[in-house]
């Protein structure tokens, strides 16, 4: 069974909290915070992936760095 952590309803692991902070700070530096509007950070902890494909692409790159 998959464990889905819902944004604003769940406490995320430290790694995911760190990623959220990074992405928000990064997009703010580019004046592109609107890219996150209406995009929740819902996370599947079993598969270590975000349900939103847009956020997942950033997460994959961040995880490789």
N, C-alpha and C. Protein backbone atom coordinates (compact mmCIF):
# COMPACT_ATOMS: atom_id res chain seq x y z
N UNK A 1 0.84 -1.18 0.00
CA UNK A 1 0.00 0.00 0.00
C UNK A 1 0.88 1.24 0.00
N UNK A 2 0.55 2.18 -0.82
CA UNK A 2 1.30 3.42 -0.94
C UNK A 2 0.93 4.38 0.19
N UNK A 3 1.94 5.06 0.68
CA UNK A 3 1.70 6.08 1.69
C UNK A 3 1.84 7.43 1.02
N UNK A 4 0.72 8.11 0.86
CA UNK A 4 0.71 9.43 0.24
C UNK A 4 0.69 10.47 1.36
N UNK A 5 1.64 11.40 1.29
CA UNK A 5 1.68 12.50 2.24
C UNK A 5 1.11 13.72 1.54
N UNK A 6 0.00 14.21 2.06
CA UNK A 6 -0.70 15.32 1.43
C UNK A 6 -0.16 16.64 1.94
N UNK A 7 0.10 17.53 1.03
CA UNK A 7 0.60 18.86 1.37
C UNK A 7 -0.39 19.56 2.29
N UNK A 8 0.13 20.23 3.30
CA UNK A 8 -0.64 20.97 4.30
C UNK A 8 -1.42 20.06 5.25
N UNK A 9 -1.40 18.75 5.04
CA UNK A 9 -2.11 17.83 5.94
C UNK A 9 -1.16 16.86 6.62
N UNK A 10 0.03 16.71 6.09
CA UNK A 10 0.99 15.73 6.61
C UNK A 10 2.29 16.42 6.98
N UNK A 11 3.03 15.75 7.85
CA UNK A 11 4.37 16.22 8.17
C UNK A 11 5.32 15.46 7.25
N UNK A 12 6.04 16.22 6.43
CA UNK A 12 6.96 15.61 5.48
C UNK A 12 8.28 15.25 6.15
N UNK A 13 8.96 14.23 5.62
CA UNK A 13 10.31 13.93 6.11
C UNK A 13 11.23 15.14 5.87
N UNK A 14 12.31 15.20 6.61
CA UNK A 14 13.22 16.34 6.53
C UNK A 14 13.74 16.57 5.10
N UNK A 15 14.03 15.50 4.38
CA UNK A 15 14.52 15.61 3.00
C UNK A 15 13.51 16.35 2.12
N UNK A 16 12.24 16.04 2.29
CA UNK A 16 11.20 16.64 1.46
C UNK A 16 10.98 18.09 1.87
N UNK A 17 11.03 18.36 3.17
CA UNK A 17 10.92 19.75 3.64
C UNK A 17 12.05 20.59 3.06
N UNK A 18 13.24 20.03 3.05
CA UNK A 18 14.40 20.73 2.50
C UNK A 18 14.21 21.02 1.02
N UNK A 19 13.69 20.05 0.29
CA UNK A 19 13.44 20.25 -1.14
C UNK A 19 12.40 21.35 -1.37
N UNK A 20 11.32 21.33 -0.60
CA UNK A 20 10.28 22.36 -0.74
C UNK A 20 10.86 23.75 -0.53
N UNK A 21 11.66 23.89 0.52
CA UNK A 21 12.28 25.19 0.80
C UNK A 21 13.21 25.60 -0.35
N UNK A 22 14.00 24.65 -0.83
CA UNK A 22 14.90 24.95 -1.93
C UNK A 22 14.12 25.41 -3.17
N UNK A 23 13.10 24.66 -3.55
CA UNK A 23 12.36 24.99 -4.76
C UNK A 23 11.68 26.35 -4.65
N UNK A 24 11.09 26.62 -3.52
CA UNK A 24 10.44 27.93 -3.33
C UNK A 24 11.46 29.06 -3.39
N UNK A 25 12.61 28.86 -2.76
CA UNK A 25 13.66 29.87 -2.78
C UNK A 25 14.22 30.05 -4.20
N UNK A 26 14.42 28.94 -4.89
CA UNK A 26 14.94 28.98 -6.25
C UNK A 26 13.98 29.73 -7.19
N UNK A 27 12.72 29.39 -7.14
CA UNK A 27 11.74 30.04 -8.02
C UNK A 27 11.55 31.51 -7.64
N UNK A 28 11.68 31.82 -6.37
CA UNK A 28 11.60 33.22 -5.95
C UNK A 28 12.77 34.00 -6.54
N UNK A 29 13.95 33.41 -6.54
CA UNK A 29 15.12 34.10 -7.10
C UNK A 29 14.96 34.37 -8.59
N UNK A 30 14.14 33.58 -9.25
CA UNK A 30 13.88 33.77 -10.69
C UNK A 30 12.61 34.58 -10.94
N UNK A 31 12.01 35.07 -9.87
CA UNK A 31 10.72 35.77 -9.95
C UNK A 31 9.67 34.91 -10.66
N UNK A 32 9.66 33.64 -10.32
CA UNK A 32 8.75 32.69 -10.98
C UNK A 32 7.90 31.90 -9.98
N UNK A 33 7.58 32.51 -8.86
CA UNK A 33 6.80 31.78 -7.86
C UNK A 33 5.41 31.40 -8.35
N UNK A 34 4.93 32.06 -9.37
CA UNK A 34 3.61 31.71 -9.91
C UNK A 34 3.59 30.30 -10.48
N UNK A 35 4.76 29.74 -10.76
CA UNK A 35 4.82 28.37 -11.27
C UNK A 35 4.36 27.35 -10.23
N UNK A 36 4.38 27.74 -8.96
CA UNK A 36 3.94 26.84 -7.90
C UNK A 36 2.50 27.07 -7.48
N UNK A 37 1.88 28.09 -8.01
CA UNK A 37 0.50 28.37 -7.62
C UNK A 37 -0.40 27.20 -7.98
N UNK A 38 -1.21 26.81 -7.03
CA UNK A 38 -2.17 25.71 -7.20
C UNK A 38 -1.50 24.38 -7.53
N UNK A 39 -0.25 24.22 -7.10
CA UNK A 39 0.45 22.96 -7.30
C UNK A 39 0.86 22.41 -5.93
N UNK A 40 0.05 21.52 -5.38
CA UNK A 40 0.38 20.98 -4.06
C UNK A 40 1.58 20.03 -4.12
N UNK A 41 2.29 19.96 -3.02
CA UNK A 41 3.46 19.08 -2.91
C UNK A 41 3.04 17.73 -2.33
N UNK A 42 2.12 17.06 -2.97
CA UNK A 42 1.69 15.74 -2.50
C UNK A 42 2.76 14.73 -2.89
N UNK A 43 3.12 13.90 -1.91
CA UNK A 43 4.31 13.06 -2.04
C UNK A 43 4.00 11.61 -1.72
N UNK A 44 4.47 10.71 -2.58
CA UNK A 44 4.36 9.27 -2.38
C UNK A 44 5.66 8.80 -1.73
N UNK A 45 5.62 8.53 -0.44
CA UNK A 45 6.85 8.19 0.28
C UNK A 45 7.39 6.81 -0.10
N UNK A 46 6.54 5.90 -0.49
CA UNK A 46 6.99 4.56 -0.86
C UNK A 46 7.84 4.59 -2.13
N UNK A 47 7.43 5.41 -3.10
CA UNK A 47 8.16 5.49 -4.37
C UNK A 47 9.10 6.69 -4.44
N UNK A 48 9.16 7.46 -3.38
CA UNK A 48 10.01 8.66 -3.31
C UNK A 48 9.78 9.56 -4.53
N UNK A 49 8.51 9.93 -4.71
CA UNK A 49 8.17 10.81 -5.82
C UNK A 49 6.96 11.66 -5.50
N UNK A 50 6.92 12.79 -6.18
CA UNK A 50 5.78 13.70 -6.05
C UNK A 50 4.73 13.32 -7.07
N UNK A 51 3.48 13.53 -6.72
CA UNK A 51 2.38 13.18 -7.62
C UNK A 51 2.26 14.18 -8.76
N UNK A 52 2.69 15.40 -8.53
CA UNK A 52 2.66 16.41 -9.58
C UNK A 52 3.90 16.24 -10.46
N UNK A 53 3.74 15.97 -11.75
CA UNK A 53 4.91 15.73 -12.61
C UNK A 53 5.85 16.93 -12.73
N UNK A 54 5.31 18.13 -12.66
CA UNK A 54 6.13 19.33 -12.75
C UNK A 54 7.08 19.41 -11.56
N UNK A 55 6.55 19.21 -10.37
CA UNK A 55 7.38 19.23 -9.16
C UNK A 55 8.34 18.04 -9.16
N UNK A 56 7.88 16.91 -9.64
CA UNK A 56 8.71 15.71 -9.68
C UNK A 56 9.96 15.91 -10.53
N UNK A 57 9.85 16.62 -11.62
CA UNK A 57 11.02 16.88 -12.47
C UNK A 57 12.07 17.70 -11.72
N UNK A 58 11.64 18.71 -11.00
CA UNK A 58 12.58 19.48 -10.17
C UNK A 58 13.19 18.59 -9.10
N UNK A 59 12.38 17.74 -8.51
CA UNK A 59 12.84 16.86 -7.44
C UNK A 59 13.92 15.89 -7.96
N UNK A 60 13.70 15.34 -9.13
CA UNK A 60 14.70 14.43 -9.71
C UNK A 60 16.03 15.13 -9.90
N UNK A 61 15.99 16.34 -10.43
CA UNK A 61 17.24 17.10 -10.63
C UNK A 61 17.89 17.45 -9.29
N UNK A 62 17.09 17.88 -8.34
CA UNK A 62 17.60 18.23 -7.02
C UNK A 62 18.22 17.01 -6.33
N UNK A 63 17.61 15.85 -6.49
CA UNK A 63 18.11 14.63 -5.86
C UNK A 63 19.45 14.19 -6.44
N UNK A 64 19.68 14.51 -7.70
CA UNK A 64 20.94 14.12 -8.35
C UNK A 64 22.09 15.04 -7.96
N UNK A 65 21.75 16.26 -7.54
CA UNK A 65 22.80 17.24 -7.22
C UNK A 65 23.49 16.95 -5.91
